[in-house]
Amino acid sequence: MHDVTHGGARCERLQRALVECHRRVPAGPPRAAACRHLNRSLAECVVSIACPGECEAVRSLCSSAGTALKRSQCQRAQLDLSVCISSHQTLDPQI
């Protein structure tokens, strides 16, 4: 299992940018619209650190339409990524 806290400067920069976006833009639809790209980028960054192999499999297998086999492989890769993400989630609501 990878330690997400050691994700590197890219995720840290994205997190700082997202915090700054939330600070600058009032809550509600304007913030959602203004910060959406940063939120998505940070999520992708963290997931790629937590589950690098699974992320790469989804990227490569699900990037374009293909045969039934490729679609099946894409679905399997998405399931594997979901399982990996779930394995990093805590069950303790206090955390």
PDB file of N, CA and C in Angstrom:
ATOM      1  N   MET A   1       0.845  -1.172   0.000  1.00  0.00           N
ATOM      2  CA  MET A   1       0.000   0.000   0.000  1.00  0.00           C
ATOM      3  C   MET A   1       0.893   1.238   0.000  1.00  0.00           C
ATOM      4  N   HIS A   2       0.540   2.247  -0.788  1.00  0.00           N
ATOM      5  CA  HIS A   2       1.340   3.457  -0.890  1.00  0.00           C
ATOM      6  C   HIS A   2       0.875   4.473   0.139  1.00  0.00           C
ATOM      7  N   ASP A   3       1.787   5.294   0.632  1.00  0.00           N
ATOM      8  CA  ASP A   3       1.478   6.335   1.596  1.00  0.00           C
ATOM      9  C   ASP A   3       1.121   7.611   0.845  1.00  0.00           C
ATOM     10  N   VAL A   4      -0.140   7.984   0.884  1.00  0.00           N
ATOM     11  CA  VAL A   4      -0.623   9.138   0.136  1.00  0.00           C
ATOM     12  C   VAL A   4      -0.013  10.431   0.662  1.00  0.00           C
ATOM     13  N   THR A   5       0.372  10.471   1.932  1.00  0.00           N
ATOM     14  CA  THR A   5       0.924  11.699   2.493  1.00  0.00           C
ATOM     15  C   THR A   5       2.255  12.064   1.864  1.00  0.00           C
ATOM     16  N   HIS A   6       2.926  11.132   1.222  1.00  0.00           N
ATOM     17  CA  HIS A   6       4.194  11.410   0.555  1.00  0.00           C
ATOM     18  C   HIS A   6       3.995  11.536  -0.950  1.00  0.00           C
ATOM     19  N   GLY A   7       2.884  12.127  -1.351  1.00  0.00           N
ATOM     20  CA  GLY A   7       2.496  12.210  -2.748  1.00  0.00           C
ATOM     21  C   GLY A   7       3.272  13.164  -3.601  1.00  0.00           C
ATOM     22  N   GLY A   8       4.069  14.002  -3.008  1.00  0.00           N
ATOM     23  CA  GLY A   8       4.890  14.882  -3.813  1.00  0.00           C
ATOM     24  C   GLY A   8       4.317  16.267  -3.967  1.00  0.00           C
ATOM     25  N   ALA A   9       5.126  17.077  -4.594  1.00  0.00           N
ATOM     26  CA  ALA A   9       4.830  18.501  -4.712  1.00  0.00           C
ATOM     27  C   ALA A   9       3.610  18.782  -5.580  1.00  0.00           C
ATOM     28  N   ARG A  10       3.365  17.954  -6.589  1.00  0.00           N
ATOM     29  CA  ARG A  10       2.243  18.236  -7.497  1.00  0.00           C
ATOM     30  C   ARG A  10       0.916  18.245  -6.745  1.00  0.00           C
ATOM     31  N   CYS A  11       0.666  17.231  -5.931  1.00  0.00           N
ATOM     32  CA  CYS A  11      -0.587  17.184  -5.173  1.00  0.00           C
ATOM     33  C   CYS A  11      -0.640  18.316  -4.152  1.00  0.00           C
ATOM     34  N   GLU A  12       0.493  18.619  -3.542  1.00  0.00           N
ATOM     35  CA  GLU A  12       0.521  19.711  -2.563  1.00  0.00           C
ATOM     36  C   GLU A  12       0.180  21.038  -3.225  1.00  0.00           C
ATOM     37  N   ARG A  13       0.716  21.280  -4.409  1.00  0.00           N
ATOM     38  CA  ARG A  13       0.405  22.523  -5.133  1.00  0.00           C
ATOM     39  C   ARG A  13      -1.077  22.582  -5.488  1.00  0.00           C
ATOM     40  N   LEU A  14      -1.620  21.464  -5.932  1.00  0.00           N
ATOM     41  CA  LEU A  14      -3.043  21.431  -6.267  1.00  0.00           C
ATOM     42  C   LEU A  14      -3.900  21.673  -5.032  1.00  0.00           C
ATOM     43  N   GLN A  15      -3.505  21.094  -3.910  1.00  0.00           N
ATOM     44  CA  GLN A  15      -4.267  21.294  -2.680  1.00  0.00           C
ATOM     45  C   GLN A  15      -4.230  22.764  -2.256  1.00  0.00           C
ATOM     46  N   ARG A  16      -3.057  23.385  -2.317  1.00  0.00           N
ATOM     47  CA  ARG A  16      -2.952  24.811  -1.968  1.00  0.00           C
ATOM     48  C   ARG A  16      -3.805  25.665  -2.909  1.00  0.00           C
ATOM     49  N   ALA A  17      -3.774  25.345  -4.195  1.00  0.00           N
ATOM     50  CA  ALA A  17      -4.572  26.097  -5.169  1.00  0.00           C
ATOM     51  C   ALA A  17      -6.064  25.928  -4.899  1.00  0.00           C
ATOM     52  N   LEU A  18      -6.486  24.730  -4.524  1.00  0.00           N
ATOM     53  CA  LEU A  18      -7.898  24.493  -4.225  1.00  0.00           C
ATOM     54  C   LEU A  18      -8.318  25.248  -2.968  1.00  0.00           C
ATOM     55  N   VAL A  19      -7.480  25.224  -1.936  1.00  0.00           N
ATOM     56  CA  VAL A  19      -7.777  25.984  -0.713  1.00  0.00           C
ATOM     57  C   VAL A  19      -7.899  27.472  -1.041  1.00  0.00           C
ATOM     58  N   GLU A  20      -6.989  27.973  -1.854  1.00  0.00           N
ATOM     59  CA  GLU A  20      -7.025  29.384  -2.252  1.00  0.00           C
ATOM     60  C   GLU A  20      -8.290  29.690  -3.052  1.00  0.00           C
ATOM     61  N   CYS A  21      -8.687  28.796  -3.927  1.00  0.00           N
ATOM     62  CA  CYS A  21      -9.917  28.974  -4.702  1.00  0.00           C
ATOM     63  C   CYS A  21     -11.121  29.052  -3.763  1.00  0.00           C
ATOM     64  N   HIS A  22     -11.163  28.174  -2.770  1.00  0.00           N
ATOM     65  CA  HIS A  22     -12.264  28.183  -1.800  1.00  0.00           C
ATOM     66  C   HIS A  22     -12.248  29.466  -0.972  1.00  0.00           C
ATOM     67  N   ARG A  23     -11.078  29.985  -0.701  1.00  0.00           N
ATOM     68  CA  ARG A  23     -10.968  31.217   0.074  1.00  0.00           C
ATOM     69  C   ARG A  23     -11.461  32.416  -0.748  1.00  0.00           C
ATOM     70  N   ARG A  24     -11.130  32.444  -2.023  1.00  0.00           N
ATOM     71  CA  ARG A  24     -11.445  33.569  -2.902  1.00  0.00           C
ATOM     72  C   ARG A  24     -12.900  33.619  -3.347  1.00  0.00           C
ATOM     73  N   VAL A  25     -13.488  32.476  -3.621  1.00  0.00           N
ATOM     74  CA  VAL A  25     -14.805  32.428  -4.262  1.00  0.00           C
ATOM     75  C   VAL A  25     -15.869  32.074  -3.224  1.00  0.00           C
ATOM     76  N   PRO A  26     -16.962  32.856  -3.175  1.00  0.00           N
ATOM     77  CA  PRO A  26     -18.025  32.572  -2.205  1.00  0.00           C
ATOM     78  C   PRO A  26     -18.622  31.173  -2.410  1.00  0.00           C
ATOM     79  N   ALA A  27     -19.087  30.592  -1.312  1.00  0.00           N
ATOM     80  CA  ALA A  27     -19.698  29.258  -1.360  1.00  0.00           C
ATOM     81  C   ALA A  27     -20.911  29.259  -2.288  1.00  0.00           C
ATOM     82  N   GLY A  28     -21.215  28.085  -2.803  1.00  0.00           N
ATOM     83  CA  GLY A  28     -22.372  27.934  -3.672  1.00  0.00           C
ATOM     84  C   GLY A  28     -21.962  27.628  -5.103  1.00  0.00           C
ATOM     85  N   PRO A  29     -22.897  27.799  -6.034  1.00  0.00           N
ATOM     86  CA  PRO A  29     -22.618  27.482  -7.437  1.00  0.00           C
ATOM     87  C   PRO A  29     -21.392  28.195  -8.020  1.00  0.00           C
ATOM     88  N   PRO A  30     -21.138  29.471  -7.665  1.00  0.00           N
ATOM     89  CA  PRO A  30     -19.930  30.101  -8.229  1.00  0.00           C
ATOM     90  C   PRO A  30     -18.643  29.375  -7.822  1.00  0.00           C
ATOM     91  N   ARG A  31     -18.566  28.955  -6.567  1.00  0.00           N
ATOM     92  CA  ARG A  31     -17.371  28.235  -6.107  1.00  0.00           C
ATOM     93  C   ARG A  31     -17.274  26.886  -6.795  1.00  0.00           C
ATOM     94  N   ALA A  32     -18.393  26.191  -6.885  1.00  0.00           N
ATOM     95  CA  ALA A  32     -18.381  24.875  -7.534  1.00  0.00           C
ATOM     96  C   ALA A  32     -17.858  24.995  -8.961  1.00  0.00           C
ATOM     97  N   ALA A  33     -18.316  26.018  -9.671  1.00  0.00           N
ATOM     98  CA  ALA A  33     -17.878  26.201 -11.058  1.00  0.00           C
ATOM     99  C   ALA A  33     -16.414  26.626 -11.132  1.00  0.00           C
ATOM    100  N   ALA A  34     -16.024  27.549 -10.269  1.00  0.00           N
ATOM    101  CA  ALA A  34     -14.664  28.089 -10.332  1.00  0.00           C
ATOM    102  C   ALA A  34     -13.605  27.086  -9.895  1.00  0.00           C
ATOM    103  N   CYS A  35     -13.945  26.232  -8.942  1.00  0.00           N
ATOM    104  CA  CYS A  35     -12.945  25.333  -8.349  1.00  0.00           C
ATOM    105  C   CYS A  35     -13.027  23.901  -8.866  1.00  0.00           C
ATOM    106  N   ARG A  36     -13.992  23.622  -9.728  1.00  0.00           N
ATOM    107  CA  ARG A  36     -14.232  22.246 -10.195  1.00  0.00           C
ATOM    108  C   ARG A  36     -12.984  21.596 -10.777  1.00  0.00           C
ATOM    109  N   HIS A  37     -12.275  22.303 -11.637  1.00  0.00           N
ATOM    110  CA  HIS A  37     -11.103  21.708 -12.295  1.00  0.00           C
ATOM    111  C   HIS A  37     -10.003  21.400 -11.283  1.00  0.00           C
ATOM    112  N   LEU A  38      -9.829  22.251 -10.271  1.00  0.00           N
ATOM    113  CA  LEU A  38      -8.814  21.987  -9.248  1.00  0.00           C
ATOM    114  C   LEU A  38      -9.214  20.802  -8.382  1.00  0.00           C
ATOM    115  N   ASN A  39     -10.499  20.732  -8.042  1.00  0.00           N
ATOM    116  CA  ASN A  39     -10.990  19.626  -7.229  1.00  0.00           C
ATOM    117  C   ASN A  39     -10.767  18.296  -7.944  1.00  0.00           C
ATOM    118  N   ARG A  40     -11.107  18.259  -9.216  1.00  0.00           N
ATOM    119  CA  ARG A  40     -10.933  17.030 -10.002  1.00  0.00           C
ATOM    120  C   ARG A  40      -9.454  16.671 -10.142  1.00  0.00           C
ATOM    121  N   SER A  41      -8.631  17.665 -10.421  1.00  0.00           N
ATOM    122  CA  SER A  41      -7.196  17.406 -10.577  1.00  0.00           C
ATOM    123  C   SER A  41      -6.574  16.890  -9.289  1.00  0.00           C
ATOM    124  N   LEU A  42      -6.959  17.472  -8.152  1.00  0.00           N
ATOM    125  CA  LEU A  42      -6.429  17.004  -6.873  1.00  0.00           C
ATOM    126  C   LEU A  42      -6.893  15.577  -6.598  1.00  0.00           C
ATOM    127  N   ALA A  43      -8.158  15.293  -6.860  1.00  0.00           N
ATOM    128  CA  ALA A  43      -8.666  13.933  -6.651  1.00  0.00           C
ATOM    129  C   ALA A  43      -7.900  12.934  -7.516  1.00  0.00           C
ATOM    130  N   GLU A  44      -7.691  13.258  -8.783  1.00  0.00           N
ATOM    131  CA  GLU A  44      -6.948  12.361  -9.672  1.00  0.00           C
ATOM    132  C   GLU A  44      -5.511  12.181  -9.198  1.00  0.00           C
ATOM    133  N   CYS A  45      -4.907  13.245  -8.692  1.00  0.00           N
ATOM    134  CA  CYS A  45      -3.531  13.174  -8.205  1.00  0.00           C
ATOM    135  C   CYS A  45      -3.433  12.228  -7.009  1.00  0.00           C
ATOM    136  N   VAL A  46      -4.333  12.411  -6.043  1.00  0.00           N
ATOM    137  CA  VAL A  46      -4.304  11.578  -4.834  1.00  0.00           C
ATOM    138  C   VAL A  46      -4.573  10.115  -5.182  1.00  0.00           C
ATOM    139  N   VAL A  47      -5.557   9.874  -6.029  1.00  0.00           N
ATOM    140  CA  VAL A  47      -5.878   8.496  -6.412  1.00  0.00           C
ATOM    141  C   VAL A  47      -4.713   7.867  -7.172  1.00  0.00           C
ATOM    142  N   SER A  48      -4.033   8.641  -8.012  1.00  0.00           N
ATOM    143  CA  SER A  48      -2.906   8.081  -8.769  1.00  0.00           C
ATOM    144  C   SER A  48      -1.734   7.725  -7.861  1.00  0.00           C
ATOM    145  N   ILE A  49      -1.641   8.376  -6.714  1.00  0.00           N
ATOM    146  CA  ILE A  49      -0.597   8.036  -5.742  1.00  0.00           C
ATOM    147  C   ILE A  49      -1.011   6.815  -4.930  1.00  0.00           C
ATOM    148  N   ALA A  50      -2.276   6.778  -4.533  1.00  0.00           N
ATOM    149  CA  ALA A  50      -2.766   5.668  -3.711  1.00  0.00           C
ATOM    150  C   ALA A  50      -2.849   4.366  -4.500  1.00  0.00           C
ATOM    151  N   CYS A  51      -3.203   4.457  -5.773  1.00  0.00           N
ATOM    152  CA  CYS A  51      -3.436   3.267  -6.602  1.00  0.00           C
ATOM    153  C   CYS A  51      -2.800   3.452  -7.981  1.00  0.00           C
ATOM    154  N   PRO A  52      -1.483   3.553  -8.050  1.00  0.00           N
ATOM    155  CA  PRO A  52      -0.841   3.901  -9.326  1.00  0.00           C
ATOM    156  C   PRO A  52      -1.072   2.886 -10.444  1.00  0.00           C
ATOM    157  N   GLY A  53      -0.947   1.621 -10.151  1.00  0.00           N
ATOM    158  CA  GLY A  53      -1.127   0.605 -11.189  1.00  0.00           C
ATOM    159  C   GLY A  53      -2.547   0.553 -11.708  1.00  0.00           C
ATOM    160  N   GLU A  54      -3.498   0.643 -10.783  1.00  0.00           N
ATOM    161  CA  GLU A  54      -4.902   0.599 -11.161  1.00  0.00           C
ATOM    162  C   GLU A  54      -5.289   1.836 -11.974  1.00  0.00           C
ATOM    163  N   CYS A  55      -4.758   2.991 -11.590  1.00  0.00           N
ATOM    164  CA  CYS A  55      -5.029   4.228 -12.349  1.00  0.00           C
ATOM    165  C   CYS A  55      -4.497   4.122 -13.768  1.00  0.00           C
ATOM    166  N   GLU A  56      -3.292   3.634 -13.884  1.00  0.00           N
ATOM    167  CA  GLU A  56      -2.684   3.507 -15.208  1.00  0.00           C
ATOM    168  C   GLU A  56      -3.472   2.516 -16.070  1.00  0.00           C
ATOM    169  N   ALA A  57      -3.937   1.433 -15.460  1.00  0.00           N
ATOM    170  CA  ALA A  57      -4.734   0.455 -16.209  1.00  0.00           C
ATOM    171  C   ALA A  57      -6.018   1.095 -16.727  1.00  0.00           C
ATOM    172  N   VAL A  58      -6.698   1.873 -15.886  1.00  0.00           N
ATOM    173  CA  VAL A  58      -7.924   2.549 -16.328  1.00  0.00           C
ATOM    174  C   VAL A  58      -7.600   3.538 -17.438  1.00  0.00           C
ATOM    175  N   ARG A  59      -6.534   4.302 -17.264  1.00  0.00           N
ATOM    176  CA  ARG A  59      -6.147   5.281 -18.292  1.00  0.00           C
ATOM    177  C   ARG A  59      -5.891   4.602 -19.636  1.00  0.00           C
ATOM    178  N   SER A  60      -5.175   3.509 -19.612  1.00  0.00           N
ATOM    179  CA  SER A  60      -4.810   2.878 -20.883  1.00  0.00           C
ATOM    180  C   SER A  60      -5.945   2.051 -21.481  1.00  0.00           C
ATOM    181  N   LEU A  61      -6.725   1.384 -20.654  1.00  0.00           N
ATOM    182  CA  LEU A  61      -7.769   0.498 -21.177  1.00  0.00           C
ATOM    183  C   LEU A  61      -9.090   1.212 -21.460  1.00  0.00           C
ATOM    184  N   CYS A  62      -9.308   2.356 -20.835  1.00  0.00           N
ATOM    185  CA  CYS A  62     -10.601   3.033 -20.965  1.00  0.00           C
ATOM    186  C   CYS A  62     -10.502   4.342 -21.741  1.00  0.00           C
ATOM    187  N   SER A  63      -9.380   4.574 -22.392  1.00  0.00           N
ATOM    188  CA  SER A  63      -9.154   5.862 -23.047  1.00  0.00           C
ATOM    189  C   SER A  63      -9.933   6.032 -24.344  1.00  0.00           C
ATOM    190  N   SER A  64     -10.309   4.954 -24.978  1.00  0.00           N
ATOM    191  CA  SER A  64     -11.045   5.069 -26.236  1.00  0.00           C
ATOM    192  C   SER A  64     -11.943   3.851 -26.409  1.00  0.00           C
ATOM    193  N   ALA A  65     -12.887   3.984 -27.317  1.00  0.00           N
ATOM    194  CA  ALA A  65     -13.782   2.864 -27.604  1.00  0.00           C
ATOM    195  C   ALA A  65     -12.967   1.731 -28.216  1.00  0.00           C
ATOM    196  N   GLY A  66     -13.482   0.547 -28.093  1.00  0.00           N
ATOM    197  CA  GLY A  66     -12.754  -0.578 -28.658  1.00  0.00           C
ATOM    198  C   GLY A  66     -13.627  -1.802 -28.762  1.00  0.00           C
ATOM    199  N   THR A  67     -12.983  -2.914 -28.827  1.00  0.00           N
ATOM    200  CA  THR A  67     -13.664  -4.196 -28.969  1.00  0.00           C
ATOM    201  C   THR A  67     -14.376  -4.559 -27.674  1.00  0.00           C
ATOM    202  N   ALA A  68     -15.182  -5.586 -27.749  1.00  0.00           N
ATOM    203  CA  ALA A  68     -15.854  -6.090 -26.554  1.00  0.00           C
ATOM    204  C   ALA A  68     -14.828  -6.507 -25.508  1.00  0.00           C
ATOM    205  N   LEU A  69     -13.715  -7.080 -25.952  1.00  0.00           N
ATOM    206  CA  LEU A  69     -12.659  -7.484 -25.021  1.00  0.00           C
ATOM    207  C   LEU A  69     -12.087  -6.265 -24.306  1.00  0.00           C
ATOM    208  N   LYS A  70     -11.813  -5.211 -25.060  1.00  0.00           N
ATOM    209  CA  LYS A  70     -11.250  -4.002 -24.439  1.00  0.00           C
ATOM    210  C   LYS A  70     -12.249  -3.389 -23.467  1.00  0.00           C
ATOM    211  N   ARG A  71     -13.519  -3.366 -23.818  1.00  0.00           N
ATOM    212  CA  ARG A  71     -14.541  -2.832 -22.906  1.00  0.00           C
ATOM    213  C   ARG A  71     -14.603  -3.661 -21.636  1.00  0.00           C
ATOM    214  N   SER A  72     -14.496  -4.957 -21.784  1.00  0.00           N
ATOM    215  CA  SER A  72     -14.492  -5.846 -20.622  1.00  0.00           C
ATOM    216  C   SER A  72     -13.263  -5.598 -19.748  1.00  0.00           C
ATOM    217  N   GLN A  73     -12.110  -5.425 -20.384  1.00  0.00           N
ATOM    218  CA  GLN A  73     -10.881  -5.137 -19.636  1.00  0.00           C
ATOM    219  C   GLN A  73     -10.982  -3.785 -18.932  1.00  0.00           C
ATOM    220  N   CYS A  74     -11.602  -2.815 -19.585  1.00  0.00           N
ATOM    221  CA  CYS A  74     -11.803  -1.497 -18.988  1.00  0.00           C
ATOM    222  C   CYS A  74     -12.684  -1.618 -17.748  1.00  0.00           C
ATOM    223  N   GLN A  75     -13.775  -2.359 -17.857  1.00  0.00           N
ATOM    224  CA  GLN A  75     -14.664  -2.540 -16.706  1.00  0.00           C
ATOM    225  C   GLN A  75     -13.936  -3.216 -15.553  1.00  0.00           C
ATOM    226  N   ARG A  76     -13.118  -4.200 -15.859  1.00  0.00           N
ATOM    227  CA  ARG A  76     -12.342  -4.889 -14.827  1.00  0.00           C
ATOM    228  C   ARG A  76     -11.344  -3.928 -14.176  1.00  0.00           C
ATOM    229  N   ALA A  77     -10.697  -3.104 -14.984  1.00  0.00           N
ATOM    230  CA  ALA A  77      -9.739  -2.123 -14.457  1.00  0.00           C
ATOM    231  C   ALA A  77     -10.450  -1.109 -13.561  1.00  0.00           C
ATOM    232  N   GLN A  78     -11.644  -0.682 -13.951  1.00  0.00           N
ATOM    233  CA  GLN A  78     -12.410   0.255 -13.129  1.00  0.00           C
ATOM    234  C   GLN A  78     -12.798  -0.383 -11.800  1.00  0.00           C
ATOM    235  N   LEU A  79     -13.183  -1.645 -11.834  1.00  0.00           N
ATOM    236  CA  LEU A  79     -13.518  -2.359 -10.601  1.00  0.00           C
ATOM    237  C   LEU A  79     -12.290  -2.482  -9.706  1.00  0.00           C
ATOM    238  N   ASP A  80     -11.154  -2.838 -10.288  1.00  0.00           N
ATOM    239  CA  ASP A  80      -9.915  -2.943  -9.512  1.00  0.00           C
ATOM    240  C   ASP A  80      -9.558  -1.606  -8.871  1.00  0.00           C
ATOM    241  N   LEU A  81      -9.746  -0.521  -9.602  1.00  0.00           N
ATOM    242  CA  LEU A  81      -9.462   0.808  -9.055  1.00  0.00           C
ATOM    243  C   LEU A  81     -10.415   1.127  -7.907  1.00  0.00           C
ATOM    244  N   SER A  82     -11.673   0.792  -8.076  1.00  0.00           N
ATOM    245  CA  SER A  82     -12.654   1.023  -7.017  1.00  0.00           C
ATOM    246  C   SER A  82     -12.293   0.259  -5.747  1.00  0.00           C
ATOM    247  N   VAL A  83     -11.882  -0.985  -5.907  1.00  0.00           N
ATOM    248  CA  VAL A  83     -11.477  -1.803  -4.758  1.00  0.00           C
ATOM    249  C   VAL A  83     -10.249  -1.193  -4.087  1.00  0.00           C
ATOM    250  N   CYS A  84      -9.295  -0.746  -4.878  1.00  0.00           N
ATOM    251  CA  CYS A  84      -8.089  -0.127  -4.328  1.00  0.00           C
ATOM    252  C   CYS A  84      -8.440   1.133  -3.542  1.00  0.00           C
ATOM    253  N   ILE A  85      -9.278   1.987  -4.115  1.00  0.00           N
ATOM    254  CA  ILE A  85      -9.682   3.211  -3.416  1.00  0.00           C
ATOM    255  C   ILE A  85     -10.382   2.854  -2.112  1.00  0.00           C
ATOM    256  N   SER A  86     -11.279   1.884  -2.164  1.00  0.00           N
ATOM    257  CA  SER A  86     -11.994   1.459  -0.958  1.00  0.00           C
ATOM    258  C   SER A  86     -11.046   0.974   0.120  1.00  0.00           C
ATOM    259  N   SER A  87      -9.969   0.327  -0.281  1.00  0.00           N
ATOM    260  CA  SER A  87      -9.019  -0.202   0.703  1.00  0.00           C
ATOM    261  C   SER A  87      -8.296   0.912   1.452  1.00  0.00           C
ATOM    262  N   HIS A  88      -8.308   2.120   0.914  1.00  0.00           N
ATOM    263  CA  HIS A  88      -7.654   3.261   1.563  1.00  0.00           C
ATOM    264  C   HIS A  88      -8.613   4.078   2.415  1.00  0.00           C
ATOM    265  N   GLN A  89      -9.904   3.774   2.340  1.00  0.00           N
ATOM    266  CA  GLN A  89     -10.879   4.545   3.104  1.00  0.00           C
ATOM    267  C   GLN A  89     -10.951   4.025   4.526  1.00  0.00           C
ATOM    268  N   THR A  90     -11.193   4.938   5.442  1.00  0.00           N
ATOM    269  CA  THR A  90     -11.300   4.562   6.843  1.00  0.00           C
ATOM    270  C   THR A  90     -12.762   4.304   7.196  1.00  0.00           C
ATOM    271  N   LEU A  91     -12.976   3.394   8.115  1.00  0.00           N
ATOM    272  CA  LEU A  91     -14.325   3.107   8.585  1.00  0.00           C
ATOM    273  C   LEU A  91     -14.647   3.914   9.836  1.00  0.00           C
ATOM    274  N   ASP A  92     -13.651   4.584  10.408  1.00  0.00           N
ATOM    275  CA  ASP A  92     -13.821   5.343  11.640  1.00  0.00           C
ATOM    276  C   ASP A  92     -14.279   6.759  11.301  1.00  0.00           C
ATOM    277  N   PRO A  93     -15.531   7.125  11.633  1.00  0.00           N
ATOM    278  CA  PRO A  93     -16.023   8.459  11.291  1.00  0.00           C
ATOM    279  C   PRO A  93     -15.330   9.568  12.083  1.00  0.00           C
ATOM    280  N   GLN A  94     -14.574   9.224  13.113  1.00  0.00           N
ATOM    281  CA  GLN A  94     -13.860  10.219  13.912  1.00  0.00           C
ATOM    282  C   GLN A  94     -12.629  10.748  13.195  1.00  0.00           C
ATOM    283  N   ILE A  95     -12.147  10.027  12.189  1.00  0.00           N
ATOM    284  CA  ILE A  95     -10.909  10.409  11.499  1.00  0.00           C
ATOM    285  C   ILE A  95     -11.214  11.341  10.359  1.00  0.00           C
TER     286      ILE A  95
END
